[in-house]
Amino acid sequence: MILIAPSMLAADFLHLEKDVRMVNEHADLFHLDIMDGTFVPNISYGFPVVEAIASIAEKPLDVHLMIVHPEKYIERFARVGTRMLSFHLNATDKPAQALLHIRETGMKAGLVINPDMPVETLYPYLHLCDYIILMSVFAGFGGQRFIEDTYDRIRTLKAEIDRLGLDVKIEVDGGVCPDNARRLIDAGAEILVAGSAVFKAEDPAKVIAALR
């Protein structure tokens, strides 16, 4: 089953409720990017916005932490109703402990890597993950151009997951659109994050349908 996760970073924050209700009706997950201005050179939004979305969200919250020391905030994200919580492999000195802590709170645990990190760096942690996010742009800003090497990276990671017999989903984030969705799915992706492609479109629901 392919899941579509619109990235709320690209939503209309003056009319956020409208975009949340659109995701409720047409998509599968809310993808929330949390940036601290330190791990990535940008700042997004914090708990007040996450809590506002959660208050009317009918689909699970998929929170992507682009922050230093993500382990400090695991329990707080669990309390606001997060269903899936991921962080960057190089954002903490103790990724295994953080993944275990996420699972202990009842959330699904995910690891993220940027395009310049080999997928092999994930292998020691796959047994602790419920999903992996492969960035197909560099984390920190929306609207970037999709990096074509992503297809091979998905295939390599998928082969290792299958070799180990694990149930780990592959999520792709960055530059995803209807033009590349089929190739991403064929390579092994099961969750597609799309921000600008959805929210900058005249008909976001039509784009989500096209991604499917």
N, C-alpha and C. Protein backbone atom coordinates (compact mmCIF):
# COMPACT_ATOMS: atom_id res chain seq x y z
N MET A 1 0.84 -1.20 0.00
CA MET A 1 0.00 0.00 0.00
C MET A 1 0.88 1.25 0.00
N ILE A 2 0.63 2.15 -0.93
CA ILE A 2 1.39 3.38 -1.03
C ILE A 2 0.69 4.47 -0.22
N LEU A 3 1.46 5.16 0.63
CA LEU A 3 0.91 6.23 1.45
C LEU A 3 1.42 7.57 0.94
N ILE A 4 0.52 8.57 0.90
CA ILE A 4 0.87 9.91 0.47
C ILE A 4 0.86 10.82 1.69
N ALA A 5 1.98 11.53 1.89
CA ALA A 5 2.16 12.36 3.08
C ALA A 5 2.48 13.80 2.67
N PRO A 6 1.46 14.65 2.50
CA PRO A 6 1.73 16.05 2.17
C PRO A 6 2.56 16.74 3.25
N SER A 7 3.57 17.48 2.82
CA SER A 7 4.44 18.19 3.76
C SER A 7 3.82 19.53 4.11
N MET A 8 3.46 19.69 5.38
CA MET A 8 2.74 20.88 5.81
C MET A 8 3.62 22.13 5.78
N LEU A 9 4.91 21.97 5.60
CA LEU A 9 5.79 23.14 5.47
C LEU A 9 5.38 23.99 4.27
N ALA A 10 4.78 23.36 3.26
CA ALA A 10 4.37 24.08 2.05
C ALA A 10 2.92 24.53 2.10
N ALA A 11 2.23 24.28 3.21
CA ALA A 11 0.82 24.66 3.33
C ALA A 11 0.66 26.17 3.44
N ASP A 12 -0.58 26.63 3.34
CA ASP A 12 -0.91 28.04 3.48
C ASP A 12 -1.17 28.31 4.96
N PHE A 13 -0.21 28.91 5.64
CA PHE A 13 -0.33 29.08 7.09
C PHE A 13 -1.35 30.15 7.48
N LEU A 14 -1.78 30.97 6.53
CA LEU A 14 -2.88 31.89 6.81
C LEU A 14 -4.23 31.18 6.79
N HIS A 15 -4.26 30.03 6.15
CA HIS A 15 -5.49 29.25 6.06
C HIS A 15 -5.17 27.78 6.34
N LEU A 16 -4.49 27.55 7.45
CA LEU A 16 -3.96 26.22 7.74
C LEU A 16 -5.07 25.20 7.95
N GLU A 17 -6.14 25.61 8.59
CA GLU A 17 -7.23 24.66 8.83
C GLU A 17 -7.76 24.07 7.53
N LYS A 18 -7.89 24.91 6.52
CA LYS A 18 -8.37 24.43 5.22
C LYS A 18 -7.45 23.35 4.66
N ASP A 19 -6.14 23.57 4.75
CA ASP A 19 -5.20 22.59 4.21
C ASP A 19 -5.17 21.32 5.06
N VAL A 20 -5.34 21.45 6.36
CA VAL A 20 -5.40 20.25 7.22
C VAL A 20 -6.61 19.41 6.84
N ARG A 21 -7.74 20.05 6.62
CA ARG A 21 -8.95 19.30 6.28
C ARG A 21 -8.82 18.66 4.89
N MET A 22 -8.09 19.30 4.00
CA MET A 22 -7.84 18.69 2.68
C MET A 22 -7.03 17.42 2.83
N VAL A 23 -6.01 17.44 3.67
CA VAL A 23 -5.20 16.23 3.92
C VAL A 23 -6.06 15.15 4.57
N ASN A 24 -6.88 15.54 5.53
CA ASN A 24 -7.79 14.57 6.15
C ASN A 24 -8.62 13.83 5.11
N GLU A 25 -9.08 14.56 4.11
CA GLU A 25 -10.00 13.99 3.13
C GLU A 25 -9.29 13.18 2.04
N HIS A 26 -8.08 13.60 1.66
CA HIS A 26 -7.50 13.04 0.44
C HIS A 26 -6.18 12.28 0.62
N ALA A 27 -5.46 12.50 1.71
CA ALA A 27 -4.13 11.89 1.86
C ALA A 27 -4.12 10.88 3.00
N ASP A 28 -2.92 10.43 3.37
CA ASP A 28 -2.80 9.35 4.36
C ASP A 28 -2.07 9.75 5.64
N LEU A 29 -1.16 10.70 5.52
CA LEU A 29 -0.34 11.15 6.65
C LEU A 29 -0.14 12.65 6.57
N PHE A 30 0.12 13.26 7.72
CA PHE A 30 0.61 14.64 7.78
C PHE A 30 2.12 14.59 8.00
N HIS A 31 2.89 15.13 7.06
CA HIS A 31 4.34 15.17 7.23
C HIS A 31 4.70 16.54 7.81
N LEU A 32 5.29 16.53 9.00
CA LEU A 32 5.62 17.76 9.71
C LEU A 32 7.14 17.88 9.86
N ASP A 33 7.72 18.91 9.26
CA ASP A 33 9.16 19.15 9.31
C ASP A 33 9.48 20.12 10.44
N ILE A 34 10.27 19.65 11.39
CA ILE A 34 10.65 20.48 12.54
C ILE A 34 12.13 20.84 12.40
N MET A 35 12.42 22.14 12.21
CA MET A 35 13.79 22.61 11.97
C MET A 35 14.19 23.60 13.06
N ASP A 36 15.45 23.52 13.47
CA ASP A 36 15.89 24.34 14.60
C ASP A 36 16.85 25.47 14.24
N GLY A 37 17.21 25.59 12.96
CA GLY A 37 18.17 26.63 12.58
C GLY A 37 19.60 26.29 12.91
N THR A 38 19.83 25.13 13.49
CA THR A 38 21.19 24.70 13.85
C THR A 38 21.58 23.47 13.05
N PHE A 39 20.78 22.41 13.14
CA PHE A 39 21.08 21.21 12.34
C PHE A 39 20.90 21.49 10.86
N VAL A 40 19.91 22.30 10.54
CA VAL A 40 19.71 22.79 9.17
C VAL A 40 19.60 24.31 9.22
N PRO A 41 19.98 24.99 8.14
CA PRO A 41 20.00 26.46 8.16
C PRO A 41 18.63 27.07 7.87
N ASN A 42 17.65 26.63 8.62
CA ASN A 42 16.30 27.16 8.45
C ASN A 42 15.52 26.86 9.72
N ILE A 43 14.46 27.61 9.94
CA ILE A 43 13.58 27.41 11.09
C ILE A 43 12.16 27.23 10.55
N SER A 44 11.45 26.23 11.04
CA SER A 44 10.10 26.00 10.54
C SER A 44 9.06 26.42 11.58
N TYR A 45 8.56 25.47 12.35
CA TYR A 45 7.53 25.75 13.35
C TYR A 45 7.73 24.80 14.51
N GLY A 46 7.08 25.11 15.63
CA GLY A 46 7.26 24.31 16.83
C GLY A 46 5.96 23.71 17.35
N PHE A 47 5.92 23.46 18.63
CA PHE A 47 4.80 22.72 19.22
C PHE A 47 3.44 23.41 19.08
N PRO A 48 3.33 24.74 19.14
CA PRO A 48 1.99 25.34 18.97
C PRO A 48 1.35 24.97 17.63
N VAL A 49 2.14 24.95 16.56
CA VAL A 49 1.59 24.60 15.25
C VAL A 49 1.29 23.10 15.18
N VAL A 50 2.20 22.29 15.72
CA VAL A 50 1.97 20.84 15.72
C VAL A 50 0.69 20.52 16.50
N GLU A 51 0.52 21.15 17.64
CA GLU A 51 -0.68 20.90 18.46
C GLU A 51 -1.94 21.36 17.74
N ALA A 52 -1.86 22.48 17.02
CA ALA A 52 -3.03 22.97 16.29
C ALA A 52 -3.43 21.99 15.19
N ILE A 53 -2.44 21.48 14.46
CA ILE A 53 -2.72 20.48 13.42
C ILE A 53 -3.30 19.21 14.04
N ALA A 54 -2.67 18.77 15.13
CA ALA A 54 -3.12 17.53 15.79
C ALA A 54 -4.55 17.63 16.28
N SER A 55 -4.98 18.84 16.63
CA SER A 55 -6.32 19.01 17.21
C SER A 55 -7.44 18.67 16.23
N ILE A 56 -7.16 18.77 14.92
CA ILE A 56 -8.21 18.43 13.93
C ILE A 56 -7.74 17.38 12.94
N ALA A 57 -6.53 16.86 13.13
CA ALA A 57 -6.01 15.84 12.21
C ALA A 57 -6.76 14.53 12.40
N GLU A 58 -7.17 13.94 11.29
CA GLU A 58 -7.80 12.62 11.32
C GLU A 58 -6.87 11.55 10.76
N LYS A 59 -5.73 11.97 10.23
CA LYS A 59 -4.71 11.05 9.72
C LYS A 59 -3.48 11.17 10.62
N PRO A 60 -2.62 10.15 10.67
CA PRO A 60 -1.48 10.15 11.59
C PRO A 60 -0.48 11.26 11.28
N LEU A 61 0.17 11.73 12.35
CA LEU A 61 1.23 12.72 12.22
C LEU A 61 2.57 12.01 12.04
N ASP A 62 3.26 12.35 10.96
CA ASP A 62 4.58 11.83 10.62
C ASP A 62 5.56 12.98 10.80
N VAL A 63 6.23 13.00 11.94
CA VAL A 63 7.09 14.14 12.31
C VAL A 63 8.54 13.84 11.98
N HIS A 64 9.15 14.73 11.22
CA HIS A 64 10.55 14.62 10.77
C HIS A 64 11.36 15.69 11.49
N LEU A 65 12.20 15.24 12.42
CA LEU A 65 13.02 16.17 13.20
C LEU A 65 14.32 16.48 12.48
N MET A 66 14.55 17.75 12.19
CA MET A 66 15.82 18.22 11.64
C MET A 66 16.43 19.13 12.69
N ILE A 67 16.75 18.53 13.83
CA ILE A 67 17.22 19.28 14.99
C ILE A 67 18.36 18.54 15.66
N VAL A 68 19.18 19.29 16.39
CA VAL A 68 20.21 18.65 17.21
C VAL A 68 19.55 18.09 18.47
N HIS A 69 20.12 17.04 19.02
CA HIS A 69 19.63 16.39 20.23
C HIS A 69 18.14 16.04 20.14
N PRO A 70 17.74 15.31 19.11
CA PRO A 70 16.32 14.96 18.98
C PRO A 70 15.79 14.16 20.15
N GLU A 71 16.70 13.45 20.85
CA GLU A 71 16.26 12.62 21.96
C GLU A 71 15.59 13.42 23.07
N LYS A 72 15.86 14.72 23.15
CA LYS A 72 15.29 15.56 24.20
C LYS A 72 13.78 15.74 24.05
N TYR A 73 13.26 15.53 22.85
CA TYR A 73 11.88 15.90 22.58
C TYR A 73 10.98 14.71 22.27
N ILE A 74 11.49 13.50 22.42
CA ILE A 74 10.73 12.32 22.04
C ILE A 74 9.42 12.22 22.80
N GLU A 75 9.47 12.34 24.10
CA GLU A 75 8.25 12.16 24.89
C GLU A 75 7.24 13.27 24.66
N ARG A 76 7.73 14.48 24.42
CA ARG A 76 6.80 15.59 24.17
C ARG A 76 6.07 15.39 22.85
N PHE A 77 6.77 14.92 21.83
CA PHE A 77 6.09 14.65 20.57
C PHE A 77 5.09 13.51 20.72
N ALA A 78 5.40 12.55 21.54
CA ALA A 78 4.43 11.47 21.79
C ALA A 78 3.18 12.03 22.46
N ARG A 79 3.35 12.96 23.38
CA ARG A 79 2.21 13.52 24.12
C ARG A 79 1.27 14.32 23.21
N VAL A 80 1.80 14.95 22.18
CA VAL A 80 0.93 15.75 21.31
C VAL A 80 0.23 14.90 20.25
N GLY A 81 0.49 13.60 20.25
CA GLY A 81 -0.26 12.71 19.37
C GLY A 81 0.49 12.25 18.13
N THR A 82 1.82 12.42 18.11
CA THR A 82 2.61 11.96 16.98
C THR A 82 2.55 10.45 16.86
N ARG A 83 2.35 9.95 15.65
CA ARG A 83 2.31 8.51 15.42
C ARG A 83 3.65 7.97 14.90
N MET A 84 4.35 8.80 14.11
CA MET A 84 5.63 8.41 13.52
C MET A 84 6.64 9.53 13.80
N LEU A 85 7.81 9.16 14.32
CA LEU A 85 8.82 10.17 14.66
C LEU A 85 10.16 9.73 14.10
N SER A 86 10.78 10.60 13.31
CA SER A 86 12.07 10.29 12.70
C SER A 86 13.07 11.40 12.99
N PHE A 87 14.34 11.04 12.94
CA PHE A 87 15.43 12.00 13.15
C PHE A 87 16.59 11.61 12.26
N HIS A 88 17.50 12.56 12.06
CA HIS A 88 18.65 12.30 11.20
C HIS A 88 19.71 11.49 11.95
N LEU A 89 20.26 10.53 11.24
CA LEU A 89 21.25 9.63 11.84
C LEU A 89 22.40 10.39 12.48
N ASN A 90 22.83 11.48 11.85
CA ASN A 90 23.99 12.22 12.36
C ASN A 90 23.60 13.37 13.28
N ALA A 91 22.37 13.36 13.81
CA ALA A 91 21.93 14.43 14.71
C ALA A 91 22.13 14.07 16.17
N THR A 92 22.52 12.83 16.46
CA THR A 92 22.71 12.39 17.84
C THR A 92 23.85 11.38 17.91
N ASP A 93 24.49 11.33 19.05
CA ASP A 93 25.58 10.37 19.26
C ASP A 93 25.05 8.98 19.60
N LYS A 94 23.76 8.89 19.93
CA LYS A 94 23.20 7.63 20.38
C LYS A 94 21.91 7.31 19.61
N PRO A 95 22.02 7.06 18.31
CA PRO A 95 20.80 6.81 17.53
C PRO A 95 20.04 5.57 17.97
N ALA A 96 20.75 4.52 18.36
CA ALA A 96 20.06 3.29 18.76
C ALA A 96 19.19 3.54 19.99
N GLN A 97 19.73 4.26 20.97
CA GLN A 97 18.95 4.56 22.17
C GLN A 97 17.73 5.40 21.84
N ALA A 98 17.90 6.36 20.94
CA ALA A 98 16.77 7.23 20.56
C ALA A 98 15.69 6.42 19.86
N LEU A 99 16.07 5.52 18.97
CA LEU A 99 15.09 4.69 18.28
C LEU A 99 14.31 3.82 19.26
N LEU A 100 15.02 3.22 20.21
CA LEU A 100 14.35 2.40 21.22
C LEU A 100 13.39 3.24 22.06
N HIS A 101 13.82 4.45 22.41
CA HIS A 101 12.98 5.34 23.22
C HIS A 101 11.70 5.70 22.46
N ILE A 102 11.83 5.99 21.17
CA ILE A 102 10.65 6.30 20.36
C ILE A 102 9.67 5.14 20.39
N ARG A 103 10.18 3.94 20.19
CA ARG A 103 9.29 2.76 20.19
C ARG A 103 8.66 2.54 21.56
N GLU A 104 9.41 2.83 22.63
CA GLU A 104 8.87 2.65 23.98
C GLU A 104 7.67 3.55 24.24
N THR A 105 7.62 4.70 23.58
CA THR A 105 6.48 5.61 23.77
C THR A 105 5.27 5.19 22.95
N GLY A 106 5.41 4.18 22.09
CA GLY A 106 4.32 3.72 21.26
C GLY A 106 4.32 4.29 19.86
N MET A 107 5.28 5.16 19.56
CA MET A 107 5.37 5.71 18.20
C MET A 107 6.21 4.78 17.32
N LYS A 108 6.05 4.94 16.01
CA LYS A 108 6.92 4.26 15.06
C LYS A 108 8.19 5.07 14.91
N ALA A 109 9.33 4.36 14.81
CA ALA A 109 10.64 5.02 14.82
C ALA A 109 11.25 5.03 13.42
N GLY A 110 11.78 6.20 13.04
CA GLY A 110 12.40 6.31 11.74
C GLY A 110 13.74 7.01 11.78
N LEU A 111 14.62 6.64 10.85
CA LEU A 111 15.90 7.31 10.66
C LEU A 111 15.89 8.01 9.31
N VAL A 112 16.63 9.12 9.23
CA VAL A 112 16.69 9.92 8.01
C VAL A 112 18.15 10.14 7.64
N ILE A 113 18.44 10.11 6.34
CA ILE A 113 19.76 10.53 5.87
C ILE A 113 19.61 11.44 4.66
N ASN A 114 20.55 12.36 4.53
CA ASN A 114 20.63 13.26 3.39
C ASN A 114 21.26 12.54 2.20
N PRO A 115 21.17 13.12 1.00
CA PRO A 115 21.69 12.44 -0.20
C PRO A 115 23.19 12.18 -0.19
N ASP A 116 23.96 12.89 0.65
CA ASP A 116 25.41 12.69 0.65
C ASP A 116 25.87 11.64 1.66
N MET A 117 24.93 10.98 2.34
CA MET A 117 25.28 9.90 3.26
C MET A 117 24.97 8.56 2.60
N PRO A 118 25.93 7.63 2.57
CA PRO A 118 25.67 6.31 1.97
C PRO A 118 24.54 5.58 2.70
N VAL A 119 23.71 4.87 1.96
CA VAL A 119 22.63 4.14 2.60
C VAL A 119 23.18 3.05 3.53
N GLU A 120 24.40 2.62 3.28
CA GLU A 120 25.00 1.58 4.13
C GLU A 120 25.15 2.03 5.57
N THR A 121 25.20 3.36 5.82
CA THR A 121 25.33 3.85 7.20
C THR A 121 24.08 3.51 8.03
N LEU A 122 22.98 3.20 7.35
CA LEU A 122 21.74 2.85 8.04
C LEU A 122 21.70 1.40 8.49
N TYR A 123 22.50 0.54 7.86
CA TYR A 123 22.35 -0.90 8.04
C TYR A 123 22.42 -1.36 9.50
N PRO A 124 23.32 -0.80 10.34
CA PRO A 124 23.38 -1.29 11.73
C PRO A 124 22.11 -1.01 12.53
N TYR A 125 21.24 -0.14 12.03
CA TYR A 125 20.07 0.30 12.80
C TYR A 125 18.74 -0.17 12.22
N LEU A 126 18.78 -0.87 11.12
CA LEU A 126 17.54 -1.22 10.44
C LEU A 126 16.61 -2.05 11.33
N HIS A 127 17.18 -2.90 12.16
CA HIS A 127 16.33 -3.75 13.01
C HIS A 127 15.61 -2.96 14.10
N LEU A 128 16.01 -1.70 14.30
CA LEU A 128 15.38 -0.85 15.30
C LEU A 128 14.39 0.14 14.68
N CYS A 129 14.26 0.10 13.37
CA CYS A 129 13.45 1.09 12.64
C CYS A 129 12.15 0.47 12.13
N ASP A 130 11.13 1.31 12.09
CA ASP A 130 9.89 0.95 11.41
C ASP A 130 9.86 1.52 10.00
N TYR A 131 10.62 2.57 9.78
CA TYR A 131 10.71 3.17 8.45
C TYR A 131 12.00 3.98 8.34
N ILE A 132 12.39 4.24 7.11
CA ILE A 132 13.56 5.04 6.78
C ILE A 132 13.12 6.16 5.85
N ILE A 133 13.58 7.38 6.10
CA ILE A 133 13.36 8.46 5.15
C ILE A 133 14.65 8.71 4.38
N LEU A 134 14.59 8.51 3.08
CA LEU A 134 15.70 8.89 2.21
C LEU A 134 15.38 10.27 1.64
N MET A 135 16.20 11.24 1.99
CA MET A 135 16.01 12.57 1.43
C MET A 135 16.46 12.57 -0.03
N SER A 136 15.60 13.08 -0.88
CA SER A 136 15.94 13.20 -2.30
C SER A 136 16.28 14.64 -2.68
N VAL A 137 16.38 15.48 -1.64
CA VAL A 137 16.99 16.80 -1.69
C VAL A 137 17.72 16.95 -0.36
N PHE A 138 18.43 18.04 -0.16
CA PHE A 138 19.08 18.26 1.12
C PHE A 138 18.10 18.90 2.10
N ALA A 139 18.03 18.34 3.30
CA ALA A 139 17.06 18.78 4.29
C ALA A 139 17.25 20.26 4.63
N GLY A 140 16.14 20.95 4.80
CA GLY A 140 16.20 22.32 5.27
C GLY A 140 15.32 23.30 4.52
N PHE A 141 15.04 23.03 3.25
CA PHE A 141 14.23 23.96 2.46
C PHE A 141 13.33 23.18 1.51
N GLY A 142 12.13 23.69 1.30
CA GLY A 142 11.23 23.09 0.33
C GLY A 142 11.51 23.60 -1.07
N GLY A 143 10.91 22.93 -2.05
CA GLY A 143 10.98 23.39 -3.43
C GLY A 143 12.27 23.10 -4.16
N GLN A 144 13.12 22.22 -3.62
CA GLN A 144 14.39 21.90 -4.28
C GLN A 144 14.18 20.88 -5.41
N ARG A 145 15.18 20.83 -6.29
CA ARG A 145 15.12 19.90 -7.42
C ARG A 145 15.46 18.48 -6.95
N PHE A 146 14.69 17.53 -7.41
CA PHE A 146 14.87 16.12 -7.09
C PHE A 146 16.23 15.61 -7.57
N ILE A 147 16.91 14.83 -6.72
CA ILE A 147 18.23 14.27 -7.05
C ILE A 147 18.03 12.87 -7.64
N GLU A 148 18.50 12.69 -8.86
CA GLU A 148 18.20 11.48 -9.63
C GLU A 148 18.82 10.21 -9.06
N ASP A 149 19.91 10.33 -8.29
CA ASP A 149 20.54 9.15 -7.68
C ASP A 149 19.61 8.44 -6.70
N THR A 150 18.52 9.10 -6.34
CA THR A 150 17.62 8.55 -5.32
C THR A 150 17.09 7.18 -5.69
N TYR A 151 16.79 6.95 -6.96
CA TYR A 151 16.23 5.66 -7.36
C TYR A 151 17.17 4.51 -7.01
N ASP A 152 18.47 4.67 -7.32
CA ASP A 152 19.44 3.62 -7.00
C ASP A 152 19.59 3.45 -5.50
N ARG A 153 19.52 4.55 -4.75
CA ARG A 153 19.62 4.46 -3.29
C ARG A 153 18.44 3.69 -2.71
N ILE A 154 17.26 3.92 -3.24
CA ILE A 154 16.09 3.17 -2.78
C ILE A 154 16.28 1.68 -3.05
N ARG A 155 16.70 1.35 -4.27
CA ARG A 155 16.87 -0.06 -4.63
C ARG A 155 17.90 -0.74 -3.74
N THR A 156 19.00 -0.05 -3.46
CA THR A 156 20.04 -0.63 -2.60
C THR A 156 19.52 -0.88 -1.20
N LEU A 157 18.82 0.10 -0.64
CA LEU A 157 18.28 -0.05 0.71
C LEU A 157 17.21 -1.13 0.76
N LYS A 158 16.35 -1.15 -0.25
CA LYS A 158 15.27 -2.15 -0.28
C LYS A 158 15.84 -3.56 -0.34
N ALA A 159 16.91 -3.74 -1.10
CA ALA A 159 17.53 -5.06 -1.21
C ALA A 159 18.05 -5.53 0.14
N GLU A 160 18.64 -4.62 0.91
CA GLU A 160 19.16 -5.00 2.24
C GLU A 160 18.03 -5.29 3.21
N ILE A 161 16.98 -4.49 3.18
CA ILE A 161 15.82 -4.74 4.05
C ILE A 161 15.23 -6.12 3.74
N ASP A 162 15.09 -6.44 2.46
CA ASP A 162 14.55 -7.74 2.07
C ASP A 162 15.49 -8.88 2.46
N ARG A 163 16.80 -8.65 2.30
CA ARG A 163 17.78 -9.68 2.67
C ARG A 163 17.68 -10.03 4.14
N LEU A 164 17.42 -9.00 4.97
CA LEU A 164 17.32 -9.21 6.42
C LEU A 164 15.93 -9.68 6.84
N GLY A 165 14.98 -9.67 5.92
CA GLY A 165 13.63 -10.10 6.25
C GLY A 165 12.89 -9.16 7.18
N LEU A 166 13.17 -7.87 7.07
CA LEU A 166 12.58 -6.87 7.96
C LEU A 166 11.37 -6.20 7.32
N ASP A 167 10.49 -5.69 8.18
CA ASP A 167 9.35 -4.91 7.73
C ASP A 167 9.66 -3.44 8.00
N VAL A 168 10.44 -2.85 7.14
CA VAL A 168 10.85 -1.45 7.27
C VAL A 168 10.42 -0.72 6.01
N LYS A 169 9.58 0.29 6.17
CA LYS A 169 9.09 1.04 5.02
C LYS A 169 10.13 2.07 4.58
N ILE A 170 10.15 2.35 3.28
CA ILE A 170 11.02 3.39 2.74
C ILE A 170 10.16 4.59 2.36
N GLU A 171 10.49 5.72 2.95
CA GLU A 171 9.80 6.99 2.69
C GLU A 171 10.76 7.89 1.91
N VAL A 172 10.25 8.60 0.93
CA VAL A 172 11.08 9.51 0.13
C VAL A 172 10.55 10.92 0.30
N ASP A 173 11.48 11.85 0.54
CA ASP A 173 11.12 13.23 0.86
C ASP A 173 11.97 14.19 0.05
N GLY A 174 11.31 14.99 -0.80
CA GLY A 174 12.02 16.04 -1.52
C GLY A 174 11.85 15.95 -3.03
N GLY A 175 11.19 16.93 -3.61
CA GLY A 175 11.04 16.96 -5.06
C GLY A 175 10.14 15.89 -5.62
N VAL A 176 9.32 15.27 -4.77
CA VAL A 176 8.41 14.21 -5.22
C VAL A 176 7.22 14.85 -5.93
N CYS A 177 6.85 14.28 -7.07
CA CYS A 177 5.73 14.81 -7.85
C CYS A 177 5.14 13.67 -8.70
N PRO A 178 4.02 13.90 -9.36
CA PRO A 178 3.44 12.83 -10.18
C PRO A 178 4.37 12.32 -11.28
N ASP A 179 5.29 13.14 -11.73
CA ASP A 179 6.20 12.72 -12.81
C ASP A 179 7.19 11.65 -12.38
N ASN A 180 7.56 11.62 -11.08
CA ASN A 180 8.55 10.63 -10.64
C ASN A 180 7.98 9.60 -9.66
N ALA A 181 6.71 9.73 -9.31
CA ALA A 181 6.13 8.84 -8.29
C ALA A 181 6.20 7.37 -8.71
N ARG A 182 5.88 7.06 -9.96
CA ARG A 182 5.88 5.67 -10.40
C ARG A 182 7.27 5.06 -10.29
N ARG A 183 8.30 5.79 -10.71
CA ARG A 183 9.67 5.26 -10.63
C ARG A 183 10.09 5.06 -9.17
N LEU A 184 9.68 5.94 -8.29
CA LEU A 184 10.01 5.80 -6.87
C LEU A 184 9.36 4.56 -6.28
N ILE A 185 8.10 4.34 -6.63
CA ILE A 185 7.38 3.16 -6.12
C ILE A 185 7.98 1.89 -6.70
N ASP A 186 8.29 1.90 -7.98
CA ASP A 186 8.90 0.72 -8.61
C ASP A 186 10.25 0.40 -7.99
N ALA A 187 10.97 1.41 -7.52
CA ALA A 187 12.28 1.19 -6.89
C ALA A 187 12.15 0.61 -5.49
N GLY A 188 10.98 0.81 -4.85
CA GLY A 188 10.77 0.25 -3.52
C GLY A 188 10.21 1.21 -2.48
N ALA A 189 9.93 2.45 -2.86
CA ALA A 189 9.36 3.40 -1.90
C ALA A 189 7.91 3.06 -1.62
N GLU A 190 7.49 3.28 -0.37
CA GLU A 190 6.10 3.01 0.01
C GLU A 190 5.39 4.22 0.60
N ILE A 191 6.17 5.24 0.97
CA ILE A 191 5.59 6.48 1.49
C ILE A 191 6.20 7.63 0.70
N LEU A 192 5.35 8.47 0.12
CA LEU A 192 5.81 9.60 -0.68
C LEU A 192 5.43 10.90 0.02
N VAL A 193 6.45 11.71 0.30
CA VAL A 193 6.24 13.04 0.88
C VAL A 193 6.26 14.05 -0.26
N ALA A 194 5.23 14.87 -0.33
CA ALA A 194 5.17 15.90 -1.37
C ALA A 194 4.66 17.19 -0.75
N GLY A 195 5.42 18.26 -0.91
CA GLY A 195 5.04 19.55 -0.35
C GLY A 195 4.59 20.52 -1.40
N SER A 196 5.54 21.11 -2.10
CA SER A 196 5.21 22.11 -3.11
C SER A 196 4.31 21.55 -4.20
N ALA A 197 4.58 20.30 -4.60
CA ALA A 197 3.78 19.69 -5.68
C ALA A 197 2.31 19.65 -5.33
N VAL A 198 2.01 19.47 -4.03
CA VAL A 198 0.62 19.40 -3.59
C VAL A 198 0.05 20.79 -3.31
N PHE A 199 0.70 21.52 -2.41
CA PHE A 199 0.09 22.75 -1.90
C PHE A 199 0.21 23.95 -2.84
N LYS A 200 1.14 23.90 -3.78
CA LYS A 200 1.25 25.00 -4.74
C LYS A 200 0.40 24.74 -5.99
N ALA A 201 -0.26 23.61 -6.03
CA ALA A 201 -1.09 23.27 -7.18
C ALA A 201 -2.45 23.95 -7.07
N GLU A 202 -3.09 24.17 -8.22
CA GLU A 202 -4.44 24.73 -8.21
C GLU A 202 -5.43 23.77 -7.57
N ASP A 203 -5.18 22.48 -7.76
CA ASP A 203 -6.08 21.45 -7.21
C ASP A 203 -5.24 20.41 -6.47
N PRO A 204 -4.93 20.65 -5.17
CA PRO A 204 -4.10 19.71 -4.42
C PRO A 204 -4.63 18.29 -4.41
N ALA A 205 -5.94 18.13 -4.31
CA ALA A 205 -6.52 16.79 -4.27
C ALA A 205 -6.24 16.04 -5.56
N LYS A 206 -6.26 16.74 -6.66
CA LYS A 206 -5.98 16.11 -7.96
C LYS A 206 -4.53 15.63 -8.02
N VAL A 207 -3.60 16.40 -7.45
CA VAL A 207 -2.19 15.99 -7.43
C VAL A 207 -2.01 14.77 -6.56
N ILE A 208 -2.67 14.73 -5.40
CA ILE A 208 -2.58 13.55 -4.53
C ILE A 208 -3.11 12.32 -5.27
N ALA A 209 -4.20 12.47 -5.98
CA ALA A 209 -4.74 11.35 -6.75
C ALA A 209 -3.75 10.91 -7.83
N ALA A 210 -3.08 11.85 -8.45
CA ALA A 210 -2.09 11.53 -9.47
C ALA A 210 -0.88 10.80 -8.87
N LEU A 211 -0.48 11.19 -7.67
CA LEU A 211 0.63 10.51 -6.99
C LEU A 211 0.28 9.05 -6.72
N ARG A 212 -0.95 8.79 -6.38
CA ARG A 212 -1.38 7.41 -6.13
C ARG A 212 -1.29 6.59 -7.42
